[in-house]
Structures are given as C-alpha cells and as structure tokens.
Amino acid sequence: MNNISFTTEQTEQLKTLLQQYFERELDQDLGDFDADFLLDFIKEKMGVHFYNQGLRDAQAVLMSKVDDITEAIEEIEHVTDF
C-alpha cells in the first residue's frame, strides 16, 4: 500500500479536527506544527488499520451484492429436462 495522502484542504480540515478535540477534551492548545506531526503519526502508524478495515467493509458489501445477483440469475434461469 502506498502512503496515505490527503489534499491540502483535507489535511487542514483534519488538523483543525485534531486541534478542536485537544481543546475541547483535553483543554490543551495544539499548534499547527504539533498537529502536523500528530496527523503524520496517525497516518503512518494507524492509517493502515483504518484503510484495511475500509477494504474489508467494501469487500463484504460487494460480496453481498454478488450473492444477490447470483440469486436473481438463478431465479430466472430456465431449467430443462433432457
């Protein structure tokens, strides 16, 4: 897997969320520099776990849809006796 990357706008939004969380929940000021490092840490060390879970979730949805299609095909399939 390649490194997780975000657009500049996404990065700024994520940093803002981190800063707001630190202020609200921890009563701590998290500056831009520290927010950058924290976001990089989360992406590098934890991001793969979120990414992989997202893939597993998407795979489960896809497999469910494939099962639905298979059942629909079986319902319209013509059976012949030879």
C-alpha atoms as a PDB file:
ATOM      1  CA  MET A   1       0.000   0.000   0.000  1.00  0.00           C
ATOM      2  CA  ASN A   2       1.213   3.456  -0.807  1.00  0.00           C
ATOM      3  CA  ASN A   3       1.408   6.103   1.862  1.00  0.00           C
ATOM      4  CA  ILE A   4      -1.919   7.612   2.776  1.00  0.00           C
ATOM      5  CA  SER A   5      -2.096  11.121   1.401  1.00  0.00           C
ATOM      6  CA  PHE A   6      -4.638  13.879   1.587  1.00  0.00           C
ATOM      7  CA  THR A   7      -5.152  17.073  -0.337  1.00  0.00           C
ATOM      8  CA  THR A   8      -4.038  20.291   1.301  1.00  0.00           C
ATOM      9  CA  GLU A   9      -7.659  21.098   2.096  1.00  0.00           C
ATOM     10  CA  GLN A  10      -8.249  17.673   3.671  1.00  0.00           C
ATOM     11  CA  THR A  11      -5.053  17.982   5.698  1.00  0.00           C
ATOM     12  CA  GLU A  12      -6.121  21.364   7.040  1.00  0.00           C
ATOM     13  CA  GLN A  13      -9.563  20.007   7.928  1.00  0.00           C
ATOM     14  CA  LEU A  14      -8.054  17.037   9.756  1.00  0.00           C
ATOM     15  CA  LYS A  15      -5.617  19.248  11.627  1.00  0.00           C
ATOM     16  CA  THR A  16      -8.490  21.505  12.666  1.00  0.00           C
ATOM     17  CA  LEU A  17     -10.410  18.489  13.956  1.00  0.00           C
ATOM     18  CA  LEU A  18      -7.401  17.400  15.995  1.00  0.00           C
ATOM     19  CA  GLN A  19      -6.925  20.889  17.376  1.00  0.00           C
ATOM     20  CA  GLN A  20     -10.598  21.177  18.298  1.00  0.00           C
ATOM     21  CA  TYR A  21     -10.507  17.790  20.002  1.00  0.00           C
ATOM     22  CA  PHE A  22      -7.448  18.706  22.044  1.00  0.00           C
ATOM     23  CA  GLU A  23      -9.045  21.977  23.083  1.00  0.00           C
ATOM     24  CA  ARG A  24     -12.455  20.510  23.922  1.00  0.00           C
ATOM     25  CA  GLU A  25     -11.489  17.194  25.508  1.00  0.00           C
ATOM     26  CA  LEU A  26      -8.028  17.837  26.910  1.00  0.00           C
ATOM     27  CA  ASP A  27      -8.118  21.601  27.446  1.00  0.00           C
ATOM     28  CA  GLN A  28      -4.835  21.771  25.535  1.00  0.00           C
ATOM     29  CA  ASP A  29      -3.716  24.024  22.730  1.00  0.00           C
ATOM     30  CA  LEU A  30      -2.377  22.032  19.793  1.00  0.00           C
ATOM     31  CA  GLY A  31      -0.463  24.276  17.425  1.00  0.00           C
ATOM     32  CA  ASP A  32      -0.190  23.770  13.675  1.00  0.00           C
ATOM     33  CA  PHE A  33       3.291  22.277  13.929  1.00  0.00           C
ATOM     34  CA  ASP A  34       2.239  19.731  16.562  1.00  0.00           C
ATOM     35  CA  ALA A  35      -0.993  18.974  14.698  1.00  0.00           C
ATOM     36  CA  ASP A  36       1.078  18.201  11.576  1.00  0.00           C
ATOM     37  CA  PHE A  37       3.247  15.752  13.498  1.00  0.00           C
ATOM     38  CA  LEU A  38       0.269  14.114  15.201  1.00  0.00           C
ATOM     39  CA  LEU A  39      -1.564  13.729  11.897  1.00  0.00           C
ATOM     40  CA  ASP A  40       1.560  12.236  10.289  1.00  0.00           C
ATOM     41  CA  PHE A  41       1.859   9.779  13.186  1.00  0.00           C
ATOM     42  CA  ILE A  42      -1.776   8.735  12.868  1.00  0.00           C
ATOM     43  CA  LYS A  43      -1.444   8.296   9.098  1.00  0.00           C
ATOM     44  CA  GLU A  44       1.793   6.304   9.309  1.00  0.00           C
ATOM     45  CA  LYS A  45       1.102   4.108  12.322  1.00  0.00           C
ATOM     46  CA  MET A  46      -2.684   3.790  12.447  1.00  0.00           C
ATOM     47  CA  GLY A  47      -3.910   4.686   8.990  1.00  0.00           C
ATOM     48  CA  VAL A  48      -3.216   1.245   7.553  1.00  0.00           C
ATOM     49  CA  HIS A  49      -5.613  -0.315  10.056  1.00  0.00           C
ATOM     50  CA  PHE A  50      -8.438   2.056   9.076  1.00  0.00           C
ATOM     51  CA  TYR A  51      -7.625   1.589   5.396  1.00  0.00           C
ATOM     52  CA  ASN A  52      -7.663  -2.206   5.657  1.00  0.00           C
ATOM     53  CA  GLN A  53     -10.925  -2.204   7.597  1.00  0.00           C
ATOM     54  CA  GLY A  54     -12.447   0.004   4.906  1.00  0.00           C
ATOM     55  CA  LEU A  55     -11.342  -2.504   2.279  1.00  0.00           C
ATOM     56  CA  ARG A  56     -12.849  -5.390   4.259  1.00  0.00           C
ATOM     57  CA  ASP A  57     -16.110  -3.470   4.655  1.00  0.00           C
ATOM     58  CA  ALA A  58     -16.219  -2.677   0.927  1.00  0.00           C
ATOM     59  CA  GLN A  59     -15.458  -6.304   0.088  1.00  0.00           C
ATOM     60  CA  ALA A  60     -18.303  -7.502   2.315  1.00  0.00           C
ATOM     61  CA  VAL A  61     -20.752  -5.131   0.610  1.00  0.00           C
ATOM     62  CA  LEU A  62     -19.567  -6.235  -2.824  1.00  0.00           C
ATOM     63  CA  MET A  63     -19.835  -9.920  -1.937  1.00  0.00           C
ATOM     64  CA  SER A  64     -23.373  -9.359  -0.655  1.00  0.00           C
ATOM     65  CA  LYS A  65     -24.320  -7.697  -3.942  1.00  0.00           C
ATOM     66  CA  VAL A  66     -22.731 -10.527  -5.941  1.00  0.00           C
ATOM     67  CA  ASP A  67     -24.768 -13.018  -3.896  1.00  0.00           C
ATOM     68  CA  ASP A  68     -27.925 -11.016  -4.653  1.00  0.00           C
ATOM     69  CA  ILE A  69     -27.141 -11.047  -8.363  1.00  0.00           C
ATOM     70  CA  THR A  70     -26.395 -14.771  -8.303  1.00  0.00           C
ATOM     71  CA  GLU A  71     -29.728 -15.457  -6.616  1.00  0.00           C
ATOM     72  CA  ALA A  72     -31.566 -13.246  -9.122  1.00  0.00           C
ATOM     73  CA  ILE A  73     -29.969 -15.104 -12.032  1.00  0.00           C
ATOM     74  CA  GLU A  74     -30.857 -18.457 -10.504  1.00  0.00           C
ATOM     75  CA  GLU A  75     -34.480 -17.317 -10.130  1.00  0.00           C
ATOM     76  CA  ILE A  76     -34.821 -16.507 -13.832  1.00  0.00           C
ATOM     77  CA  GLU A  77     -32.768 -19.422 -15.065  1.00  0.00           C
ATOM     78  CA  HIS A  78     -34.735 -21.891 -17.175  1.00  0.00           C
ATOM     79  CA  VAL A  79     -34.486 -25.471 -16.144  1.00  0.00           C
ATOM     80  CA  THR A  80     -34.767 -28.091 -18.828  1.00  0.00           C
ATOM     81  CA  ASP A  81     -35.081 -31.830 -18.600  1.00  0.00           C
ATOM     82  CA  PHE A  82     -33.087 -33.728 -21.171  1.00  0.00           C
END
